[in-house]
């Protein structure tokens, strides 16, 4: 009988880990790698109004099962000016956004599953977040990850 509470504790701990903040949700609010296109449209917070565009087969390798959502700010009062969300097999695997907030210098953050790069660009900063285990983004992700070493 003791195994049931222990198993429950292990499951709750695992679920808590799945909801921990990651680089995507901190830099691009409302978004996490692994989300569906619908979830990204519903939850992305660019800091104001914007327009969406969808492209099919427009991913990194142009695969027919890739989807790209692009968001463009409708005004100057938003946190982001543009955001591009790339999906492979229906899961978010790449985020590329231009933020109005500037960055002091390039920063590369790695986890076992992601690489995040934030770099100064013009009067703002560019953010790239890639899943390292996505076959269409693997080479780019590892190239960016090598900058952190």
N, C-alpha and C. Protein backbone atom coordinates (compact mmCIF):
# COMPACT_ATOMS: atom_id res chain seq x y z
N UNK A 1 0.81 -1.20 0.00
CA UNK A 1 0.00 0.00 0.00
C UNK A 1 0.86 1.27 0.00
N UNK A 2 2.07 1.20 0.49
CA UNK A 2 2.95 2.37 0.54
C UNK A 2 3.35 2.82 -0.88
N UNK A 3 3.32 1.95 -1.86
CA UNK A 3 3.76 2.27 -3.22
C UNK A 3 2.84 3.28 -3.88
N UNK A 4 1.56 3.27 -3.56
CA UNK A 4 0.61 4.19 -4.19
C UNK A 4 0.94 5.65 -3.85
N UNK A 5 1.12 6.03 -2.57
CA UNK A 5 1.48 7.42 -2.28
C UNK A 5 2.84 7.80 -2.88
N UNK A 6 3.79 6.89 -2.90
CA UNK A 6 5.09 7.18 -3.49
C UNK A 6 4.96 7.43 -4.97
N UNK A 7 4.19 6.59 -5.66
CA UNK A 7 3.96 6.76 -7.09
C UNK A 7 3.26 8.09 -7.36
N UNK A 8 2.28 8.44 -6.55
CA UNK A 8 1.57 9.70 -6.70
C UNK A 8 2.53 10.88 -6.52
N UNK A 9 3.42 10.79 -5.55
CA UNK A 9 4.40 11.85 -5.32
C UNK A 9 5.34 12.00 -6.52
N UNK A 10 5.77 10.88 -7.10
CA UNK A 10 6.64 10.92 -8.27
C UNK A 10 5.92 11.56 -9.45
N UNK A 11 4.65 11.20 -9.67
CA UNK A 11 3.87 11.79 -10.77
C UNK A 11 3.66 13.29 -10.58
N UNK A 12 3.34 13.71 -9.37
CA UNK A 12 3.14 15.13 -9.11
C UNK A 12 4.43 15.92 -9.30
N UNK A 13 5.55 15.36 -8.90
CA UNK A 13 6.85 16.01 -9.09
C UNK A 13 7.15 16.15 -10.57
N UNK A 14 6.89 15.11 -11.36
CA UNK A 14 7.12 15.16 -12.81
C UNK A 14 6.24 16.21 -13.46
N UNK A 15 4.98 16.27 -13.07
CA UNK A 15 4.07 17.27 -13.64
C UNK A 15 4.49 18.68 -13.27
N UNK A 16 4.97 18.88 -12.07
CA UNK A 16 5.45 20.21 -11.66
C UNK A 16 6.64 20.62 -12.51
N UNK A 17 7.50 19.69 -12.84
CA UNK A 17 8.66 19.98 -13.70
C UNK A 17 8.23 20.39 -15.09
N UNK A 18 7.14 19.83 -15.58
CA UNK A 18 6.67 20.15 -16.93
C UNK A 18 6.11 21.56 -17.01
N UNK A 19 5.72 22.13 -15.89
CA UNK A 19 5.14 23.47 -15.93
C UNK A 19 6.13 24.54 -15.49
N UNK A 20 7.38 24.15 -15.23
CA UNK A 20 8.37 25.14 -14.84
C UNK A 20 8.63 26.10 -15.98
N UNK A 21 8.92 27.36 -15.68
CA UNK A 21 9.17 28.32 -16.75
C UNK A 21 10.40 27.93 -17.56
N UNK A 22 10.38 28.20 -18.84
CA UNK A 22 11.54 27.97 -19.68
C UNK A 22 11.87 29.26 -20.41
N UNK A 23 12.93 29.24 -21.19
CA UNK A 23 13.37 30.45 -21.88
C UNK A 23 12.28 31.01 -22.79
N UNK A 24 11.56 30.13 -23.47
CA UNK A 24 10.51 30.60 -24.38
C UNK A 24 9.44 31.37 -23.63
N UNK A 25 8.97 30.84 -22.52
CA UNK A 25 7.88 31.50 -21.81
C UNK A 25 8.34 32.79 -21.14
N UNK A 26 9.63 32.92 -20.83
CA UNK A 26 10.13 34.15 -20.24
C UNK A 26 10.37 35.23 -21.30
N UNK A 27 10.95 34.87 -22.43
CA UNK A 27 11.27 35.84 -23.47
C UNK A 27 10.10 36.11 -24.41
N UNK A 28 9.31 35.09 -24.68
CA UNK A 28 8.16 35.20 -25.57
C UNK A 28 6.96 34.71 -24.76
N UNK A 29 6.32 35.61 -23.99
CA UNK A 29 5.28 35.21 -23.03
C UNK A 29 4.13 34.41 -23.63
N UNK A 30 3.72 33.40 -22.87
CA UNK A 30 2.59 32.56 -23.24
C UNK A 30 2.95 31.37 -24.10
N UNK A 31 4.21 31.28 -24.53
CA UNK A 31 4.61 30.25 -25.50
C UNK A 31 5.63 29.30 -24.89
N UNK A 32 5.48 28.02 -25.20
CA UNK A 32 6.44 26.98 -24.81
C UNK A 32 6.64 26.04 -25.97
N UNK A 33 7.85 25.58 -26.15
CA UNK A 33 8.10 24.56 -27.18
C UNK A 33 7.20 23.37 -26.90
N UNK A 34 6.74 22.71 -27.96
CA UNK A 34 5.84 21.56 -27.82
C UNK A 34 4.37 21.91 -27.98
N UNK A 35 4.04 23.21 -27.96
CA UNK A 35 2.64 23.61 -28.10
C UNK A 35 2.15 23.35 -29.53
N UNK A 36 0.84 23.31 -29.68
CA UNK A 36 0.22 23.18 -30.99
C UNK A 36 0.02 24.57 -31.59
N UNK A 37 -0.20 24.66 -32.91
CA UNK A 37 -0.46 25.97 -33.52
C UNK A 37 -1.64 26.70 -32.86
N UNK A 38 -2.69 25.98 -32.56
CA UNK A 38 -3.85 26.61 -31.91
C UNK A 38 -3.48 27.20 -30.55
N UNK A 39 -2.69 26.43 -29.77
CA UNK A 39 -2.27 26.93 -28.46
C UNK A 39 -1.42 28.19 -28.59
N UNK A 40 -0.53 28.22 -29.57
CA UNK A 40 0.32 29.39 -29.76
C UNK A 40 -0.54 30.60 -30.10
N UNK A 41 -1.48 30.45 -31.02
CA UNK A 41 -2.37 31.57 -31.39
C UNK A 41 -3.17 32.05 -30.19
N UNK A 42 -3.63 31.12 -29.37
CA UNK A 42 -4.47 31.47 -28.22
C UNK A 42 -3.67 32.10 -27.08
N UNK A 43 -2.41 31.71 -26.90
CA UNK A 43 -1.68 32.08 -25.70
C UNK A 43 -0.52 33.06 -25.89
N UNK A 44 -0.07 33.25 -27.13
CA UNK A 44 1.05 34.17 -27.35
C UNK A 44 0.67 35.58 -26.91
N UNK A 45 1.59 36.23 -26.20
CA UNK A 45 1.36 37.59 -25.73
C UNK A 45 2.47 38.49 -26.28
N UNK A 46 2.19 39.15 -27.39
CA UNK A 46 3.16 40.05 -28.00
C UNK A 46 3.14 41.43 -27.38
N UNK A 47 2.28 41.64 -26.41
CA UNK A 47 2.21 42.92 -25.73
C UNK A 47 1.22 43.89 -26.35
N UNK A 48 0.43 43.42 -27.28
CA UNK A 48 -0.57 44.27 -27.93
C UNK A 48 -1.17 43.56 -29.13
N UNK A 49 -1.93 44.29 -29.90
CA UNK A 49 -2.61 43.70 -31.06
C UNK A 49 -1.62 43.40 -32.18
N UNK A 50 -1.98 42.38 -32.95
CA UNK A 50 -1.15 42.00 -34.09
C UNK A 50 -1.94 41.15 -35.06
N UNK A 51 -1.33 40.87 -36.21
CA UNK A 51 -1.99 40.07 -37.25
C UNK A 51 -1.23 38.76 -37.44
N UNK A 52 -1.97 37.70 -37.71
CA UNK A 52 -1.40 36.36 -37.91
C UNK A 52 -1.43 35.98 -39.38
N UNK A 53 -0.43 35.20 -39.77
CA UNK A 53 -0.39 34.60 -41.10
C UNK A 53 0.10 33.16 -40.93
N UNK A 54 -0.49 32.24 -41.68
CA UNK A 54 -0.11 30.84 -41.61
C UNK A 54 0.47 30.38 -42.94
N UNK A 55 1.56 29.62 -42.86
CA UNK A 55 2.18 29.04 -44.05
C UNK A 55 2.32 27.55 -43.82
N UNK A 56 1.93 26.76 -44.82
CA UNK A 56 2.09 25.31 -44.74
C UNK A 56 3.31 24.92 -45.55
N UNK A 57 4.09 23.97 -45.02
CA UNK A 57 5.28 23.52 -45.73
C UNK A 57 6.37 24.55 -45.75
N UNK A 58 6.37 25.45 -44.80
CA UNK A 58 7.34 26.53 -44.80
C UNK A 58 8.38 26.45 -43.71
N UNK A 59 8.59 25.25 -43.16
CA UNK A 59 9.56 25.11 -42.08
C UNK A 59 10.99 25.19 -42.56
N UNK A 60 11.92 24.89 -41.66
CA UNK A 60 13.36 25.04 -41.93
C UNK A 60 13.80 24.27 -43.17
N UNK A 61 13.28 23.08 -43.35
CA UNK A 61 13.68 22.27 -44.50
C UNK A 61 12.61 22.27 -45.58
N UNK A 62 11.55 23.03 -45.37
CA UNK A 62 10.47 23.11 -46.36
C UNK A 62 9.64 21.84 -46.43
N UNK A 63 9.68 21.03 -45.39
CA UNK A 63 8.93 19.78 -45.39
C UNK A 63 7.43 20.06 -45.44
N UNK A 64 6.71 19.19 -46.11
CA UNK A 64 5.28 19.40 -46.29
C UNK A 64 4.50 19.27 -44.99
N UNK A 65 5.08 18.62 -43.97
CA UNK A 65 4.37 18.46 -42.70
C UNK A 65 4.74 19.57 -41.71
N UNK A 66 5.43 20.60 -42.18
CA UNK A 66 5.79 21.74 -41.33
C UNK A 66 4.77 22.86 -41.52
N UNK A 67 4.53 23.59 -40.44
CA UNK A 67 3.64 24.74 -40.44
C UNK A 67 4.39 25.91 -39.81
N UNK A 68 4.15 27.09 -40.32
CA UNK A 68 4.75 28.30 -39.76
C UNK A 68 3.63 29.30 -39.48
N UNK A 69 3.62 29.84 -38.26
CA UNK A 69 2.73 30.94 -37.90
C UNK A 69 3.60 32.17 -37.75
N UNK A 70 3.19 33.27 -38.37
CA UNK A 70 3.91 34.52 -38.24
C UNK A 70 2.97 35.57 -37.67
N UNK A 71 3.48 36.31 -36.70
CA UNK A 71 2.72 37.38 -36.05
C UNK A 71 3.46 38.68 -36.28
N UNK A 72 2.72 39.73 -36.64
CA UNK A 72 3.29 41.05 -36.85
C UNK A 72 2.49 42.05 -36.01
N UNK A 73 3.20 42.87 -35.25
CA UNK A 73 2.55 43.86 -34.38
C UNK A 73 1.75 44.84 -35.21
N UNK A 74 0.61 45.27 -34.65
CA UNK A 74 -0.25 46.22 -35.34
C UNK A 74 0.08 47.66 -34.97
N UNK A 75 0.93 47.86 -33.97
CA UNK A 75 1.28 49.22 -33.56
C UNK A 75 2.65 49.26 -32.92
N UNK A 76 2.99 50.42 -32.38
CA UNK A 76 4.31 50.62 -31.78
C UNK A 76 4.35 50.34 -30.29
N UNK A 77 3.24 50.04 -29.67
CA UNK A 77 3.20 49.87 -28.23
C UNK A 77 3.34 48.40 -27.80
N UNK A 78 3.75 47.53 -28.68
CA UNK A 78 3.87 46.12 -28.34
C UNK A 78 5.26 45.78 -27.82
N UNK A 79 5.37 44.66 -27.13
CA UNK A 79 6.66 44.18 -26.63
C UNK A 79 7.49 43.60 -27.78
N UNK A 80 6.83 42.88 -28.67
CA UNK A 80 7.49 42.27 -29.83
C UNK A 80 7.02 42.99 -31.09
N UNK A 81 7.89 43.03 -32.10
CA UNK A 81 7.46 43.60 -33.38
C UNK A 81 7.05 42.50 -34.33
N UNK A 82 7.77 41.37 -34.29
CA UNK A 82 7.44 40.20 -35.11
C UNK A 82 7.75 38.95 -34.31
N UNK A 83 7.06 37.89 -34.67
CA UNK A 83 7.34 36.59 -34.08
C UNK A 83 7.01 35.51 -35.11
N UNK A 84 7.90 34.54 -35.23
CA UNK A 84 7.72 33.42 -36.16
C UNK A 84 7.78 32.14 -35.34
N UNK A 85 6.76 31.30 -35.52
CA UNK A 85 6.65 30.05 -34.78
C UNK A 85 6.67 28.90 -35.78
N UNK A 86 7.65 28.02 -35.67
CA UNK A 86 7.81 26.92 -36.62
C UNK A 86 7.43 25.60 -35.94
N UNK A 87 6.62 24.83 -36.66
CA UNK A 87 6.10 23.57 -36.13
C UNK A 87 6.58 22.41 -36.98
N UNK A 88 6.85 21.30 -36.34
CA UNK A 88 7.17 20.05 -37.05
C UNK A 88 6.25 18.99 -36.47
N UNK A 89 5.50 18.34 -37.35
CA UNK A 89 4.52 17.32 -36.94
C UNK A 89 3.55 17.87 -35.90
N UNK A 90 3.16 19.14 -36.07
CA UNK A 90 2.15 19.74 -35.21
C UNK A 90 2.65 20.24 -33.86
N UNK A 91 3.97 20.20 -33.61
CA UNK A 91 4.52 20.67 -32.34
C UNK A 91 5.46 21.84 -32.57
N UNK A 92 5.38 22.85 -31.71
CA UNK A 92 6.26 24.01 -31.81
C UNK A 92 7.69 23.59 -31.51
N UNK A 93 8.58 23.83 -32.48
CA UNK A 93 9.99 23.44 -32.34
C UNK A 93 10.94 24.62 -32.50
N UNK A 94 10.45 25.77 -32.94
CA UNK A 94 11.31 26.94 -33.11
C UNK A 94 10.50 28.22 -32.94
N UNK A 95 11.14 29.18 -32.27
CA UNK A 95 10.56 30.50 -32.09
C UNK A 95 11.63 31.50 -32.50
N UNK A 96 11.24 32.46 -33.34
CA UNK A 96 12.15 33.53 -33.75
C UNK A 96 11.36 34.83 -33.59
N UNK A 97 11.84 35.70 -32.74
CA UNK A 97 11.09 36.94 -32.46
C UNK A 97 12.04 38.12 -32.40
N UNK A 98 11.49 39.28 -32.77
CA UNK A 98 12.23 40.53 -32.58
C UNK A 98 11.51 41.30 -31.48
N UNK A 99 12.24 41.59 -30.41
CA UNK A 99 11.70 42.31 -29.27
C UNK A 99 12.17 43.76 -29.30
N UNK A 100 11.33 44.67 -28.81
CA UNK A 100 11.71 46.08 -28.76
C UNK A 100 12.77 46.33 -27.68
N UNK A 101 12.79 45.51 -26.65
CA UNK A 101 13.75 45.65 -25.55
C UNK A 101 15.14 45.22 -26.03
N UNK A 102 16.12 46.07 -25.82
CA UNK A 102 17.46 45.76 -26.29
C UNK A 102 18.18 44.81 -25.33
N UNK A 103 19.18 44.14 -25.85
CA UNK A 103 20.01 43.23 -25.06
C UNK A 103 21.42 43.81 -25.02
N UNK A 104 22.10 43.64 -23.89
CA UNK A 104 23.45 44.19 -23.72
C UNK A 104 24.45 43.51 -24.64
N UNK A 105 24.29 42.24 -24.85
CA UNK A 105 25.20 41.47 -25.70
C UNK A 105 24.55 40.14 -26.00
N UNK A 106 25.21 39.33 -26.81
CA UNK A 106 24.65 38.02 -27.14
C UNK A 106 24.72 37.10 -25.93
N UNK A 107 23.65 36.37 -25.74
CA UNK A 107 23.58 35.39 -24.65
C UNK A 107 23.04 34.09 -25.22
N UNK A 108 23.72 32.99 -24.94
CA UNK A 108 23.29 31.67 -25.39
C UNK A 108 23.03 30.83 -24.15
N UNK A 109 21.81 30.31 -24.04
CA UNK A 109 21.43 29.43 -22.93
C UNK A 109 21.10 28.06 -23.48
N UNK A 110 21.63 27.03 -22.82
CA UNK A 110 21.41 25.65 -23.25
C UNK A 110 20.72 24.84 -22.17
N UNK A 111 19.85 23.97 -22.62
CA UNK A 111 19.37 22.87 -21.79
C UNK A 111 19.61 21.62 -22.61
N UNK A 112 19.29 20.49 -22.06
CA UNK A 112 19.46 19.25 -22.81
C UNK A 112 18.58 19.24 -24.05
N UNK A 113 17.43 19.92 -24.02
CA UNK A 113 16.49 19.87 -25.13
C UNK A 113 16.37 21.15 -25.94
N UNK A 114 16.90 22.28 -25.43
CA UNK A 114 16.72 23.55 -26.14
C UNK A 114 18.01 24.36 -26.20
N UNK A 115 18.04 25.27 -27.16
CA UNK A 115 19.08 26.30 -27.23
C UNK A 115 18.34 27.61 -27.45
N UNK A 116 18.73 28.62 -26.67
CA UNK A 116 18.11 29.94 -26.75
C UNK A 116 19.20 30.98 -26.96
N UNK A 117 19.02 31.81 -27.97
CA UNK A 117 19.99 32.88 -28.25
C UNK A 117 19.23 34.20 -28.24
N UNK A 118 19.79 35.15 -27.50
CA UNK A 118 19.25 36.51 -27.52
C UNK A 118 20.40 37.43 -27.88
N UNK A 119 20.22 38.22 -28.92
CA UNK A 119 21.30 39.07 -29.42
C UNK A 119 20.77 40.46 -29.75
N UNK A 120 21.59 41.48 -29.52
CA UNK A 120 21.19 42.83 -29.90
C UNK A 120 20.97 42.92 -31.40
N UNK A 121 19.96 43.66 -31.80
CA UNK A 121 19.68 43.85 -33.22
C UNK A 121 18.98 45.19 -33.38
N UNK A 122 19.67 46.14 -33.98
CA UNK A 122 19.08 47.47 -34.14
C UNK A 122 18.77 48.07 -32.78
N UNK A 123 17.57 48.60 -32.64
CA UNK A 123 17.17 49.21 -31.37
C UNK A 123 16.51 48.20 -30.44
N UNK A 124 16.52 46.92 -30.80
CA UNK A 124 15.91 45.89 -29.97
C UNK A 124 16.81 44.68 -29.87
N UNK A 125 16.19 43.51 -29.85
CA UNK A 125 16.95 42.27 -29.79
C UNK A 125 16.21 41.16 -30.52
N UNK A 126 16.98 40.23 -31.06
CA UNK A 126 16.42 39.04 -31.70
C UNK A 126 16.55 37.86 -30.76
N UNK A 127 15.49 37.08 -30.69
CA UNK A 127 15.46 35.88 -29.86
C UNK A 127 15.20 34.68 -30.77
N UNK A 128 16.02 33.65 -30.60
CA UNK A 128 15.82 32.38 -31.31
C UNK A 128 15.81 31.28 -30.28
N UNK A 129 14.76 30.46 -30.29
CA UNK A 129 14.63 29.33 -29.38
C UNK A 129 14.37 28.10 -30.23
N UNK A 130 15.24 27.10 -30.13
CA UNK A 130 15.13 25.90 -30.96
C UNK A 130 15.11 24.64 -30.11
N UNK A 131 14.31 23.67 -30.55
CA UNK A 131 14.34 22.34 -29.95
C UNK A 131 15.54 21.60 -30.54
N UNK A 132 16.41 21.09 -29.69
CA UNK A 132 17.62 20.42 -30.16
C UNK A 132 17.34 19.03 -30.72
N UNK A 133 16.17 18.46 -30.39
CA UNK A 133 15.86 17.11 -30.86
C UNK A 133 14.98 17.09 -32.10
N UNK A 134 14.69 18.25 -32.69
CA UNK A 134 13.91 18.30 -33.92
C UNK A 134 14.82 18.02 -35.11
N UNK A 135 14.49 17.05 -35.95
CA UNK A 135 15.38 16.72 -37.07
C UNK A 135 15.55 17.87 -38.07
N UNK A 136 14.54 18.70 -38.27
CA UNK A 136 14.68 19.79 -39.24
C UNK A 136 15.47 20.98 -38.68
N UNK A 137 15.62 21.07 -37.37
CA UNK A 137 16.33 22.18 -36.75
C UNK A 137 17.60 21.74 -36.03
N UNK A 138 17.90 20.46 -36.06
CA UNK A 138 19.03 19.93 -35.28
C UNK A 138 20.36 20.60 -35.63
N UNK A 139 20.66 20.69 -36.90
CA UNK A 139 21.95 21.26 -37.31
C UNK A 139 22.07 22.72 -36.87
N UNK A 140 21.02 23.50 -37.08
CA UNK A 140 21.04 24.90 -36.67
C UNK A 140 21.15 25.02 -35.15
N UNK A 141 20.40 24.19 -34.43
CA UNK A 141 20.43 24.23 -32.97
C UNK A 141 21.83 23.92 -32.44
N UNK A 142 22.46 22.91 -32.98
CA UNK A 142 23.80 22.55 -32.50
C UNK A 142 24.83 23.59 -32.89
N UNK A 143 24.65 24.23 -34.03
CA UNK A 143 25.55 25.32 -34.43
C UNK A 143 25.44 26.48 -33.43
N UNK A 144 24.22 26.83 -33.07
CA UNK A 144 24.02 27.89 -32.07
C UNK A 144 24.54 27.46 -30.70
N UNK A 145 24.33 26.20 -30.36
CA UNK A 145 24.80 25.70 -29.06
C UNK A 145 26.32 25.77 -28.95
N UNK A 146 27.00 25.60 -30.07
CA UNK A 146 28.47 25.64 -30.04
C UNK A 146 28.98 27.02 -29.64
N UNK A 147 28.18 28.07 -29.81
CA UNK A 147 28.57 29.41 -29.39
C UNK A 147 28.71 29.53 -27.87
N UNK A 148 28.00 28.66 -27.15
CA UNK A 148 28.03 28.72 -25.68
C UNK A 148 29.26 28.03 -25.12
N UNK A 149 29.93 27.25 -25.93
CA UNK A 149 31.07 26.47 -25.42
C UNK A 149 32.35 27.23 -25.49
